[in-house]
């Protein structure tokens, strides 16, 4: 994962130095709706609503652009373990904070001086900074991975200096894993940002 990250950064720097691109830098914040996709049938998954906040850059050549970002993201998921009919379902509430680094490539489907409509996608690197599990759960924080890899894809619109994005995200590897259980993160993000320059 680290090798892919550094290769992308090297490629980005090379492209910037080789051309005269348009450059935007800004800040962004928004809502995060996340849930876990689990490997076993006796679990029901429910999403939780939280937030993310961070910064973005955009380097463009005509209609094509690269958009690296870094942001703090609060996410997780609620699971209910279905037991036999004589017992109550067991709740498992997972909360984690991550620093996310998506490295997106995109195209402007519509481009003008005041309005741009964009489509984008690319890899995402997530680094877990804190994690928590409710006391009733049989899982512990040791079940969380410290980092994971995924993909983001979505659309966005620019209205002069304001940027609005809606994206889906799927983790490529497990976020929570034990010998008999694994869960991947599925996330929907909607954000608004402002270009500072």
N, C-alpha and C. Protein backbone atom coordinates (compact mmCIF):
# COMPACT_ATOMS: atom_id res chain seq x y z
N UNK A 1 0.83 -1.19 0.00
CA UNK A 1 0.00 0.00 0.00
C UNK A 1 0.87 1.26 0.00
N UNK A 2 1.94 1.25 0.80
CA UNK A 2 2.82 2.42 0.86
C UNK A 2 3.53 2.63 -0.47
N UNK A 3 3.92 1.53 -1.13
CA UNK A 3 4.60 1.65 -2.42
C UNK A 3 3.68 2.30 -3.46
N UNK A 4 2.42 1.88 -3.52
CA UNK A 4 1.46 2.47 -4.44
C UNK A 4 1.26 3.95 -4.15
N UNK A 5 1.21 4.30 -2.88
CA UNK A 5 1.04 5.69 -2.45
C UNK A 5 2.20 6.54 -2.97
N UNK A 6 3.45 6.08 -2.78
CA UNK A 6 4.61 6.86 -3.19
C UNK A 6 4.75 6.92 -4.71
N UNK A 7 4.37 5.87 -5.41
CA UNK A 7 4.39 5.90 -6.88
C UNK A 7 3.42 6.96 -7.39
N UNK A 8 2.23 7.03 -6.79
CA UNK A 8 1.25 8.02 -7.22
C UNK A 8 1.77 9.43 -6.95
N UNK A 9 2.36 9.68 -5.78
CA UNK A 9 2.90 11.00 -5.45
C UNK A 9 4.01 11.39 -6.42
N UNK A 10 4.89 10.44 -6.74
CA UNK A 10 5.97 10.72 -7.69
C UNK A 10 5.41 11.08 -9.06
N UNK A 11 4.41 10.33 -9.52
CA UNK A 11 3.78 10.61 -10.82
C UNK A 11 3.12 11.98 -10.81
N UNK A 12 2.44 12.32 -9.73
CA UNK A 12 1.78 13.62 -9.62
C UNK A 12 2.79 14.75 -9.70
N UNK A 13 3.88 14.66 -8.97
CA UNK A 13 4.91 15.71 -8.98
C UNK A 13 5.53 15.83 -10.37
N UNK A 14 5.79 14.70 -11.02
CA UNK A 14 6.36 14.71 -12.37
C UNK A 14 5.44 15.42 -13.36
N UNK A 15 4.14 15.13 -13.30
CA UNK A 15 3.19 15.78 -14.20
C UNK A 15 3.11 17.28 -13.95
N UNK A 16 3.15 17.67 -12.69
CA UNK A 16 3.08 19.10 -12.36
C UNK A 16 4.29 19.84 -12.91
N UNK A 17 5.47 19.24 -12.77
CA UNK A 17 6.69 19.89 -13.24
C UNK A 17 6.79 19.91 -14.76
N UNK A 18 6.15 18.95 -15.43
CA UNK A 18 6.26 18.83 -16.89
C UNK A 18 5.26 19.70 -17.64
N UNK A 19 4.28 20.23 -16.97
CA UNK A 19 3.24 21.01 -17.65
C UNK A 19 2.94 22.28 -16.86
N UNK A 20 2.04 23.07 -17.40
CA UNK A 20 1.59 24.28 -16.73
C UNK A 20 0.12 24.10 -16.36
N UNK A 21 -0.14 23.39 -15.29
CA UNK A 21 -1.53 23.05 -14.97
C UNK A 21 -2.26 24.16 -14.24
N UNK A 22 -3.59 24.05 -14.22
CA UNK A 22 -4.40 24.86 -13.32
C UNK A 22 -4.29 24.25 -11.93
N UNK A 23 -4.21 25.08 -10.91
CA UNK A 23 -4.05 24.58 -9.55
C UNK A 23 -5.06 25.23 -8.63
N UNK A 24 -5.81 24.42 -7.90
CA UNK A 24 -6.74 24.90 -6.87
C UNK A 24 -6.41 24.22 -5.55
N UNK A 25 -6.49 24.98 -4.46
CA UNK A 25 -6.34 24.45 -3.12
C UNK A 25 -7.52 24.93 -2.29
N UNK A 26 -8.05 24.06 -1.42
CA UNK A 26 -9.21 24.47 -0.64
C UNK A 26 -9.44 23.61 0.58
N UNK A 27 -10.48 23.96 1.30
CA UNK A 27 -10.89 23.20 2.48
C UNK A 27 -12.29 22.64 2.23
N UNK A 28 -12.63 21.56 2.95
CA UNK A 28 -13.92 20.91 2.73
C UNK A 28 -14.40 20.28 4.03
N UNK A 29 -15.71 20.05 4.10
CA UNK A 29 -16.32 19.35 5.24
C UNK A 29 -17.63 18.76 4.76
N UNK A 30 -18.09 17.73 5.47
CA UNK A 30 -19.35 17.12 5.05
C UNK A 30 -19.79 15.99 5.94
N UNK A 31 -20.79 15.26 5.46
CA UNK A 31 -21.39 14.16 6.20
C UNK A 31 -20.86 12.82 5.69
N UNK A 32 -20.68 11.89 6.62
CA UNK A 32 -20.23 10.54 6.32
C UNK A 32 -21.29 9.55 6.79
N UNK A 33 -21.82 8.75 5.87
CA UNK A 33 -22.75 7.69 6.21
C UNK A 33 -22.05 6.36 5.95
N UNK A 34 -21.76 5.61 7.02
CA UNK A 34 -20.95 4.40 6.85
C UNK A 34 -21.61 3.20 7.51
N UNK A 35 -21.30 2.03 6.97
CA UNK A 35 -21.77 0.77 7.54
C UNK A 35 -20.77 -0.33 7.20
N UNK A 36 -20.94 -1.47 7.84
CA UNK A 36 -20.06 -2.61 7.60
C UNK A 36 -20.77 -3.66 6.75
N UNK A 37 -20.02 -4.20 5.81
CA UNK A 37 -20.45 -5.37 5.05
C UNK A 37 -19.73 -6.57 5.65
N UNK A 38 -20.50 -7.53 6.19
CA UNK A 38 -19.90 -8.61 6.97
C UNK A 38 -19.93 -9.93 6.22
N UNK A 39 -19.06 -10.84 6.66
CA UNK A 39 -18.87 -12.12 5.97
C UNK A 39 -19.84 -13.19 6.44
N UNK A 40 -20.62 -12.93 7.49
CA UNK A 40 -21.49 -13.96 8.04
C UNK A 40 -22.95 -13.52 7.97
N UNK A 41 -23.85 -14.51 7.80
CA UNK A 41 -25.26 -14.21 7.58
C UNK A 41 -26.02 -13.87 8.86
N UNK A 42 -25.48 -14.20 10.02
CA UNK A 42 -26.22 -13.97 11.26
C UNK A 42 -25.94 -12.59 11.87
N UNK A 43 -25.62 -11.63 11.00
CA UNK A 43 -25.43 -10.25 11.43
C UNK A 43 -26.26 -9.33 10.56
N UNK A 44 -26.95 -8.39 11.18
CA UNK A 44 -27.62 -7.32 10.47
C UNK A 44 -26.80 -6.05 10.62
N UNK A 45 -26.61 -5.34 9.52
CA UNK A 45 -25.78 -4.14 9.53
C UNK A 45 -26.65 -2.89 9.44
N UNK A 46 -26.31 -1.89 10.24
CA UNK A 46 -26.99 -0.60 10.19
C UNK A 46 -25.94 0.49 10.05
N UNK A 47 -26.27 1.52 9.29
CA UNK A 47 -25.32 2.60 9.06
C UNK A 47 -25.35 3.61 10.20
N UNK A 48 -24.27 4.37 10.31
CA UNK A 48 -24.22 5.48 11.25
C UNK A 48 -23.87 6.75 10.47
N UNK A 49 -24.31 7.88 10.98
CA UNK A 49 -24.07 9.17 10.34
C UNK A 49 -23.06 9.95 11.16
N UNK A 50 -22.04 10.46 10.49
CA UNK A 50 -21.01 11.23 11.19
C UNK A 50 -20.50 12.33 10.25
N UNK A 51 -19.22 12.68 10.34
CA UNK A 51 -18.72 13.84 9.60
C UNK A 51 -17.27 13.63 9.17
N UNK A 52 -16.83 14.48 8.25
CA UNK A 52 -15.42 14.55 7.87
C UNK A 52 -15.05 16.00 7.58
N UNK A 53 -13.77 16.33 7.75
CA UNK A 53 -13.29 17.70 7.52
C UNK A 53 -11.82 17.64 7.11
N UNK A 54 -11.45 18.45 6.12
CA UNK A 54 -10.06 18.41 5.67
C UNK A 54 -9.78 19.39 4.55
N UNK A 55 -8.83 19.02 3.69
CA UNK A 55 -8.36 19.90 2.63
C UNK A 55 -8.20 19.11 1.33
N UNK A 56 -8.21 19.84 0.22
CA UNK A 56 -8.04 19.20 -1.08
C UNK A 56 -7.18 20.08 -1.98
N UNK A 57 -6.59 19.44 -2.96
CA UNK A 57 -5.91 20.14 -4.04
C UNK A 57 -6.42 19.60 -5.36
N UNK A 58 -6.37 20.41 -6.38
CA UNK A 58 -6.78 19.94 -7.70
C UNK A 58 -5.82 20.50 -8.74
N UNK A 59 -5.24 19.60 -9.52
CA UNK A 59 -4.32 19.97 -10.57
C UNK A 59 -4.95 19.56 -11.89
N UNK A 60 -5.21 20.54 -12.77
CA UNK A 60 -5.96 20.25 -13.98
C UNK A 60 -5.24 20.60 -15.26
N UNK A 61 -5.51 19.82 -16.29
CA UNK A 61 -5.03 20.07 -17.64
C UNK A 61 -6.24 20.02 -18.56
N UNK A 62 -6.84 21.17 -18.84
CA UNK A 62 -8.06 21.19 -19.63
C UNK A 62 -9.20 20.53 -18.87
N UNK A 63 -9.74 19.46 -19.44
CA UNK A 63 -10.86 18.76 -18.78
C UNK A 63 -10.40 17.67 -17.80
N UNK A 64 -9.14 17.31 -17.83
CA UNK A 64 -8.63 16.23 -16.99
C UNK A 64 -7.98 16.81 -15.74
N UNK A 65 -8.14 16.13 -14.60
CA UNK A 65 -7.55 16.64 -13.36
C UNK A 65 -7.18 15.50 -12.42
N UNK A 66 -6.27 15.81 -11.52
CA UNK A 66 -5.93 14.96 -10.39
C UNK A 66 -6.33 15.71 -9.12
N UNK A 67 -6.87 14.99 -8.15
CA UNK A 67 -7.36 15.64 -6.93
C UNK A 67 -6.93 14.84 -5.69
N UNK A 68 -5.75 15.14 -5.14
CA UNK A 68 -5.38 14.54 -3.86
C UNK A 68 -6.07 15.28 -2.71
N UNK A 69 -6.40 14.54 -1.67
CA UNK A 69 -7.07 15.13 -0.50
C UNK A 69 -6.49 14.52 0.77
N UNK A 70 -6.72 15.19 1.87
CA UNK A 70 -6.44 14.62 3.19
C UNK A 70 -7.50 15.16 4.14
N UNK A 71 -8.13 14.26 4.89
CA UNK A 71 -9.17 14.73 5.82
C UNK A 71 -9.34 13.76 6.99
N UNK A 72 -9.82 14.32 8.08
CA UNK A 72 -10.20 13.55 9.26
C UNK A 72 -11.60 13.03 9.03
N UNK A 73 -11.82 11.74 9.32
CA UNK A 73 -13.12 11.13 9.06
C UNK A 73 -13.56 10.32 10.29
N UNK A 74 -14.76 10.57 10.75
CA UNK A 74 -15.35 9.80 11.84
C UNK A 74 -16.34 8.82 11.23
N UNK A 75 -16.16 7.54 11.49
CA UNK A 75 -16.98 6.53 10.81
C UNK A 75 -17.12 5.29 11.67
N UNK A 76 -17.80 4.28 11.14
CA UNK A 76 -17.97 3.02 11.86
C UNK A 76 -19.18 2.28 11.35
N UNK A 77 -19.87 1.58 12.26
CA UNK A 77 -21.05 0.83 11.89
C UNK A 77 -21.65 0.12 13.08
N UNK A 78 -22.93 -0.16 12.99
CA UNK A 78 -23.65 -0.91 14.02
C UNK A 78 -24.02 -2.28 13.46
N UNK A 79 -23.72 -3.32 14.22
CA UNK A 79 -24.10 -4.68 13.84
C UNK A 79 -24.95 -5.29 14.93
N UNK A 80 -25.92 -6.09 14.53
CA UNK A 80 -26.69 -6.88 15.48
C UNK A 80 -26.47 -8.35 15.16
N UNK A 81 -25.94 -9.07 16.14
CA UNK A 81 -25.70 -10.50 15.99
C UNK A 81 -26.97 -11.25 16.34
N UNK A 82 -27.52 -11.97 15.36
CA UNK A 82 -28.79 -12.67 15.54
C UNK A 82 -28.52 -14.00 16.22
N UNK A 83 -29.11 -14.17 17.40
CA UNK A 83 -28.94 -15.41 18.17
C UNK A 83 -30.19 -16.26 18.04
N UNK A 84 -30.30 -17.33 18.83
CA UNK A 84 -31.49 -18.18 18.74
C UNK A 84 -32.71 -17.42 19.28
N UNK A 85 -33.88 -17.94 19.05
CA UNK A 85 -35.13 -17.22 19.34
C UNK A 85 -35.35 -16.97 20.82
N UNK A 86 -34.63 -17.65 21.70
CA UNK A 86 -34.82 -17.48 23.14
C UNK A 86 -33.89 -16.43 23.74
N UNK A 87 -33.09 -15.80 22.93
CA UNK A 87 -32.14 -14.82 23.45
C UNK A 87 -32.25 -13.52 22.66
N UNK A 88 -31.80 -12.45 23.28
CA UNK A 88 -31.82 -11.15 22.61
C UNK A 88 -30.66 -11.06 21.63
N UNK A 89 -30.85 -10.27 20.57
CA UNK A 89 -29.76 -10.02 19.64
C UNK A 89 -28.65 -9.25 20.36
N UNK A 90 -27.42 -9.52 19.98
CA UNK A 90 -26.27 -8.89 20.63
C UNK A 90 -25.81 -7.70 19.79
N UNK A 91 -25.78 -6.49 20.37
CA UNK A 91 -25.34 -5.33 19.60
C UNK A 91 -23.82 -5.21 19.58
N UNK A 92 -23.31 -4.79 18.44
CA UNK A 92 -21.88 -4.49 18.30
C UNK A 92 -21.79 -3.11 17.64
N UNK A 93 -21.28 -2.14 18.38
CA UNK A 93 -21.15 -0.78 17.85
C UNK A 93 -19.67 -0.45 17.68
N UNK A 94 -19.27 -0.23 16.44
CA UNK A 94 -17.88 0.07 16.12
C UNK A 94 -17.76 1.55 15.76
N UNK A 95 -16.85 2.23 16.41
CA UNK A 95 -16.55 3.63 16.08
C UNK A 95 -15.06 3.75 15.83
N UNK A 96 -14.71 4.49 14.79
CA UNK A 96 -13.29 4.74 14.55
C UNK A 96 -13.11 6.09 13.88
N UNK A 97 -11.97 6.68 14.13
CA UNK A 97 -11.55 7.90 13.47
C UNK A 97 -10.38 7.56 12.56
N UNK A 98 -10.39 8.12 11.38
CA UNK A 98 -9.32 7.85 10.42
C UNK A 98 -8.83 9.15 9.80
N UNK A 99 -7.58 9.12 9.36
CA UNK A 99 -7.07 10.13 8.45
C UNK A 99 -7.09 9.49 7.07
N UNK A 100 -7.87 10.07 6.18
CA UNK A 100 -8.07 9.49 4.84
C UNK A 100 -7.31 10.30 3.80
N UNK A 101 -6.68 9.58 2.87
CA UNK A 101 -5.93 10.21 1.79
C UNK A 101 -6.40 9.60 0.46
N UNK A 102 -7.46 10.17 -0.15
CA UNK A 102 -7.85 9.73 -1.49
C UNK A 102 -6.99 10.40 -2.55
N UNK A 103 -6.65 9.67 -3.58
CA UNK A 103 -5.86 10.17 -4.70
C UNK A 103 -6.69 9.94 -5.97
N UNK A 104 -7.44 10.96 -6.35
CA UNK A 104 -8.47 10.81 -7.37
C UNK A 104 -8.03 11.37 -8.71
N UNK A 105 -8.48 10.72 -9.76
CA UNK A 105 -8.34 11.23 -11.12
C UNK A 105 -9.75 11.47 -11.66
N UNK A 106 -9.90 12.51 -12.47
CA UNK A 106 -11.25 12.81 -12.94
C UNK A 106 -11.27 13.55 -14.26
N UNK A 107 -12.50 13.76 -14.72
CA UNK A 107 -12.73 14.50 -15.95
C UNK A 107 -13.89 15.46 -15.74
N UNK A 108 -13.77 16.64 -16.32
CA UNK A 108 -14.84 17.62 -16.27
C UNK A 108 -15.80 17.33 -17.42
N UNK A 109 -16.98 16.86 -17.07
CA UNK A 109 -17.98 16.52 -18.08
C UNK A 109 -18.55 17.77 -18.73
N UNK A 110 -18.64 18.83 -17.95
CA UNK A 110 -19.07 20.14 -18.45
C UNK A 110 -18.13 21.17 -17.85
N UNK A 111 -17.61 22.07 -18.67
CA UNK A 111 -16.62 23.03 -18.19
C UNK A 111 -16.96 24.42 -18.69
N UNK A 112 -17.04 25.37 -17.75
CA UNK A 112 -17.21 26.77 -18.11
C UNK A 112 -16.48 27.62 -17.06
N UNK A 113 -16.57 28.93 -17.19
CA UNK A 113 -15.88 29.81 -16.24
C UNK A 113 -16.49 29.75 -14.85
N UNK A 114 -17.78 29.47 -14.74
CA UNK A 114 -18.45 29.53 -13.44
C UNK A 114 -18.99 28.18 -12.96
N UNK A 115 -19.21 27.24 -13.87
CA UNK A 115 -19.78 25.95 -13.48
C UNK A 115 -18.98 24.82 -14.13
N UNK A 116 -18.59 23.86 -13.31
CA UNK A 116 -17.96 22.63 -13.80
C UNK A 116 -18.71 21.44 -13.22
N UNK A 117 -18.95 20.43 -14.04
CA UNK A 117 -19.52 19.17 -13.57
C UNK A 117 -18.45 18.10 -13.76
N UNK A 118 -18.15 17.37 -12.67
CA UNK A 118 -17.01 16.46 -12.65
C UNK A 118 -17.42 15.02 -12.32
N UNK A 119 -16.64 14.07 -12.85
CA UNK A 119 -16.70 12.67 -12.42
C UNK A 119 -15.29 12.27 -12.03
N UNK A 120 -15.16 11.46 -10.95
CA UNK A 120 -13.83 11.15 -10.45
C UNK A 120 -13.80 9.79 -9.77
N UNK A 121 -12.62 9.27 -9.61
CA UNK A 121 -12.44 8.01 -8.90
C UNK A 121 -10.98 7.73 -8.67
N UNK A 122 -10.71 6.85 -7.70
CA UNK A 122 -9.32 6.50 -7.44
C UNK A 122 -9.14 5.80 -6.12
N UNK A 123 -7.89 5.49 -5.78
CA UNK A 123 -7.61 4.77 -4.55
C UNK A 123 -7.71 5.66 -3.32
N UNK A 124 -7.94 5.00 -2.19
CA UNK A 124 -8.06 5.68 -0.89
C UNK A 124 -7.20 4.93 0.12
N UNK A 125 -6.41 5.68 0.87
CA UNK A 125 -5.59 5.12 1.94
C UNK A 125 -6.10 5.67 3.26
N UNK A 126 -6.50 4.79 4.17
CA UNK A 126 -7.07 5.19 5.46
C UNK A 126 -6.17 4.72 6.59
N UNK A 127 -5.87 5.64 7.50
CA UNK A 127 -5.02 5.36 8.65
C UNK A 127 -5.84 5.58 9.92
N UNK A 128 -6.06 4.53 10.69
CA UNK A 128 -6.92 4.59 11.87
C UNK A 128 -6.18 5.29 13.00
N UNK A 129 -6.80 6.35 13.56
CA UNK A 129 -6.19 7.11 14.65
C UNK A 129 -6.80 6.78 16.00
N UNK A 130 -8.06 6.33 16.03
CA UNK A 130 -8.68 5.89 17.28
C UNK A 130 -9.80 4.91 16.94
N UNK A 131 -10.11 4.03 17.91
CA UNK A 131 -11.12 2.99 17.67
C UNK A 131 -11.79 2.63 18.99
N UNK A 132 -13.07 2.23 18.88
CA UNK A 132 -13.84 1.94 20.09
C UNK A 132 -14.92 0.91 19.75
N UNK A 133 -15.21 0.04 20.72
CA UNK A 133 -16.27 -0.96 20.61
C UNK A 133 -17.08 -0.93 21.90
N UNK A 134 -18.40 -1.08 21.78
CA UNK A 134 -19.24 -1.05 22.98
C UNK A 134 -18.93 -2.23 23.91
N UNK A 135 -19.24 -2.07 25.19
CA UNK A 135 -18.88 -3.06 26.20
C UNK A 135 -19.59 -4.40 26.00
N UNK A 136 -20.80 -4.39 25.45
CA UNK A 136 -21.55 -5.64 25.27
C UNK A 136 -20.99 -6.52 24.16
N UNK A 137 -20.18 -5.96 23.31
CA UNK A 137 -19.68 -6.69 22.15
C UNK A 137 -18.63 -7.73 22.56
N UNK A 138 -18.59 -8.83 21.81
CA UNK A 138 -17.55 -9.83 22.03
C UNK A 138 -16.24 -9.44 21.35
N UNK A 139 -16.28 -8.38 20.54
CA UNK A 139 -15.08 -7.91 19.85
C UNK A 139 -14.32 -6.92 20.74
N UNK A 140 -13.05 -6.76 20.46
CA UNK A 140 -12.23 -5.76 21.15
C UNK A 140 -11.61 -4.84 20.10
N UNK A 141 -10.98 -3.77 20.56
CA UNK A 141 -10.35 -2.84 19.62
C UNK A 141 -9.19 -3.50 18.87
N UNK A 142 -8.68 -4.61 19.39
CA UNK A 142 -7.59 -5.32 18.70
C UNK A 142 -8.05 -5.91 17.37
N UNK A 143 -9.36 -6.04 17.18
CA UNK A 143 -9.88 -6.58 15.92
C UNK A 143 -9.78 -5.57 14.78
N UNK A 144 -9.61 -4.28 15.09
CA UNK A 144 -9.48 -3.25 14.07
C UNK A 144 -8.11 -3.31 13.41
N UNK A 145 -8.09 -3.12 12.11
CA UNK A 145 -6.81 -2.91 11.43
C UNK A 145 -6.36 -1.47 11.69
N UNK A 146 -5.05 -1.25 11.64
CA UNK A 146 -4.52 0.10 11.83
C UNK A 146 -4.58 0.93 10.56
N UNK A 147 -4.69 0.27 9.42
CA UNK A 147 -4.83 0.97 8.15
C UNK A 147 -5.53 0.05 7.16
N UNK A 148 -6.17 0.66 6.18
CA UNK A 148 -6.81 -0.13 5.14
C UNK A 148 -6.87 0.65 3.85
N UNK A 149 -7.15 -0.07 2.78
CA UNK A 149 -7.12 0.46 1.43
C UNK A 149 -8.50 0.31 0.80
N UNK A 150 -8.88 1.27 -0.02
CA UNK A 150 -10.18 1.18 -0.68
C UNK A 150 -10.22 1.99 -1.95
N UNK A 151 -11.44 2.15 -2.47
CA UNK A 151 -11.68 2.91 -3.69
C UNK A 151 -12.80 3.91 -3.45
N UNK A 152 -12.65 5.09 -4.03
CA UNK A 152 -13.70 6.10 -4.02
C UNK A 152 -14.08 6.44 -5.46
N UNK A 153 -15.36 6.76 -5.65
CA UNK A 153 -15.82 7.18 -6.97
C UNK A 153 -17.09 8.01 -6.78
N UNK A 154 -17.27 9.00 -7.65
CA UNK A 154 -18.45 9.84 -7.50
C UNK A 154 -18.46 10.98 -8.49
N UNK A 155 -19.28 11.97 -8.18
CA UNK A 155 -19.46 13.14 -9.04
C UNK A 155 -19.37 14.40 -8.19
N UNK A 156 -19.15 15.52 -8.86
CA UNK A 156 -19.09 16.79 -8.16
C UNK A 156 -19.47 17.93 -9.08
N UNK A 157 -19.69 19.07 -8.47
CA UNK A 157 -20.01 20.28 -9.21
C UNK A 157 -19.29 21.46 -8.57
N UNK A 158 -18.76 22.33 -9.41
CA UNK A 158 -18.13 23.57 -8.95
C UNK A 158 -19.02 24.74 -9.35
N UNK A 159 -19.32 25.58 -8.39
CA UNK A 159 -20.05 26.82 -8.64
C UNK A 159 -19.13 27.97 -8.24
N UNK A 160 -18.37 28.45 -9.18
CA UNK A 160 -17.33 29.45 -8.97
C UNK A 160 -16.32 28.95 -7.96
N UNK A 161 -16.30 29.47 -6.72
CA UNK A 161 -15.32 29.05 -5.71
C UNK A 161 -15.85 27.93 -4.80
N UNK A 162 -17.12 27.56 -4.95
CA UNK A 162 -17.73 26.53 -4.11
C UNK A 162 -17.68 25.19 -4.84
N UNK A 163 -17.34 24.14 -4.12
CA UNK A 163 -17.30 22.81 -4.71
C UNK A 163 -18.14 21.85 -3.87
N UNK A 164 -18.94 21.03 -4.53
CA UNK A 164 -19.82 20.07 -3.86
C UNK A 164 -19.56 18.69 -4.46
N UNK A 165 -19.32 17.70 -3.60
CA UNK A 165 -19.01 16.35 -4.06
C UNK A 165 -19.93 15.32 -3.40
N UNK A 166 -20.26 14.26 -4.13
CA UNK A 166 -20.97 13.10 -3.59
C UNK A 166 -20.22 11.86 -4.06
N UNK A 167 -19.80 11.02 -3.10
CA UNK A 167 -18.97 9.87 -3.46
C UNK A 167 -19.36 8.62 -2.68
N UNK A 168 -19.09 7.48 -3.31
CA UNK A 168 -19.17 6.18 -2.65
C UNK A 168 -17.75 5.69 -2.38
N UNK A 169 -17.65 4.89 -1.33
CA UNK A 169 -16.34 4.34 -0.96
C UNK A 169 -16.51 2.89 -0.50
N UNK A 170 -15.63 2.03 -0.98
CA UNK A 170 -15.62 0.63 -0.57
C UNK A 170 -14.21 0.25 -0.15
N UNK A 171 -14.07 -0.32 1.05
CA UNK A 171 -12.75 -0.78 1.47
C UNK A 171 -12.41 -2.07 0.73
N UNK A 172 -11.17 -2.17 0.31
CA UNK A 172 -10.72 -3.34 -0.45
C UNK A 172 -10.39 -4.52 0.47
N UNK A 173 -9.91 -4.20 1.67
CA UNK A 173 -9.60 -5.26 2.63
C UNK A 173 -10.44 -5.06 3.89
N UNK A 174 -10.37 -5.99 4.80
CA UNK A 174 -11.20 -5.94 6.00
C UNK A 174 -10.76 -4.82 6.92
N UNK A 175 -11.75 -4.18 7.54
CA UNK A 175 -11.50 -3.14 8.54
C UNK A 175 -11.47 -3.77 9.93
N UNK A 176 -12.38 -4.71 10.16
CA UNK A 176 -12.43 -5.48 11.41
C UNK A 176 -12.28 -6.95 11.04
N UNK A 177 -11.37 -7.65 11.72
CA UNK A 177 -11.12 -9.04 11.34
C UNK A 177 -10.70 -9.86 12.55
N UNK A 178 -11.32 -11.04 12.69
CA UNK A 178 -10.90 -12.05 13.66
C UNK A 178 -10.76 -13.37 12.91
N UNK A 179 -10.52 -14.44 13.63
CA UNK A 179 -10.34 -15.74 12.97
C UNK A 179 -11.60 -16.23 12.28
N UNK A 180 -12.78 -15.80 12.76
CA UNK A 180 -14.04 -16.29 12.18
C UNK A 180 -14.95 -15.17 11.69
N UNK A 181 -14.40 -13.98 11.51
CA UNK A 181 -15.26 -12.83 11.17
C UNK A 181 -14.42 -11.78 10.46
N UNK A 182 -15.01 -11.16 9.44
CA UNK A 182 -14.39 -9.97 8.86
C UNK A 182 -15.46 -9.03 8.35
N UNK A 183 -15.16 -7.75 8.40
CA UNK A 183 -16.11 -6.72 7.98
C UNK A 183 -15.38 -5.68 7.16
N UNK A 184 -16.00 -5.30 6.06
CA UNK A 184 -15.47 -4.23 5.21
C UNK A 184 -16.35 -3.01 5.36
N UNK A 185 -15.74 -1.84 5.16
CA UNK A 185 -16.47 -0.59 5.33
C UNK A 185 -17.06 -0.13 4.00
N UNK A 186 -18.33 0.25 4.02
CA UNK A 186 -18.99 0.88 2.87
C UNK A 186 -19.44 2.26 3.32
N UNK A 187 -19.13 3.27 2.53
CA UNK A 187 -19.36 4.64 2.96
C UNK A 187 -19.92 5.48 1.82
N UNK A 188 -20.83 6.39 2.18
CA UNK A 188 -21.29 7.43 1.27
C UNK A 188 -20.93 8.76 1.90
N UNK A 189 -20.29 9.63 1.12
CA UNK A 189 -19.87 10.94 1.62
C UNK A 189 -20.45 12.04 0.76
N UNK A 190 -20.92 13.08 1.39
CA UNK A 190 -21.32 14.28 0.68
C UNK A 190 -20.64 15.46 1.36
N UNK A 191 -20.01 16.31 0.56
CA UNK A 191 -19.21 17.38 1.15
C UNK A 191 -19.35 18.67 0.36
N UNK A 192 -19.06 19.75 1.04
CA UNK A 192 -18.99 21.07 0.42
C UNK A 192 -17.65 21.68 0.77
N UNK A 193 -17.07 22.39 -0.16
CA UNK A 193 -15.78 23.01 0.08
C UNK A 193 -15.69 24.36 -0.57
N UNK A 194 -14.60 25.05 -0.26
CA UNK A 194 -14.35 26.35 -0.86
C UNK A 194 -12.91 26.39 -1.34
N UNK A 195 -12.72 26.87 -2.56
CA UNK A 195 -11.37 27.04 -3.09
C UNK A 195 -10.77 28.31 -2.50
N UNK A 196 -9.64 28.17 -1.84
CA UNK A 196 -9.00 29.32 -1.22
C UNK A 196 -8.16 30.09 -2.23
N UNK A 197 -7.55 29.37 -3.17
CA UNK A 197 -6.83 29.99 -4.29
C UNK A 197 -6.46 28.91 -5.29
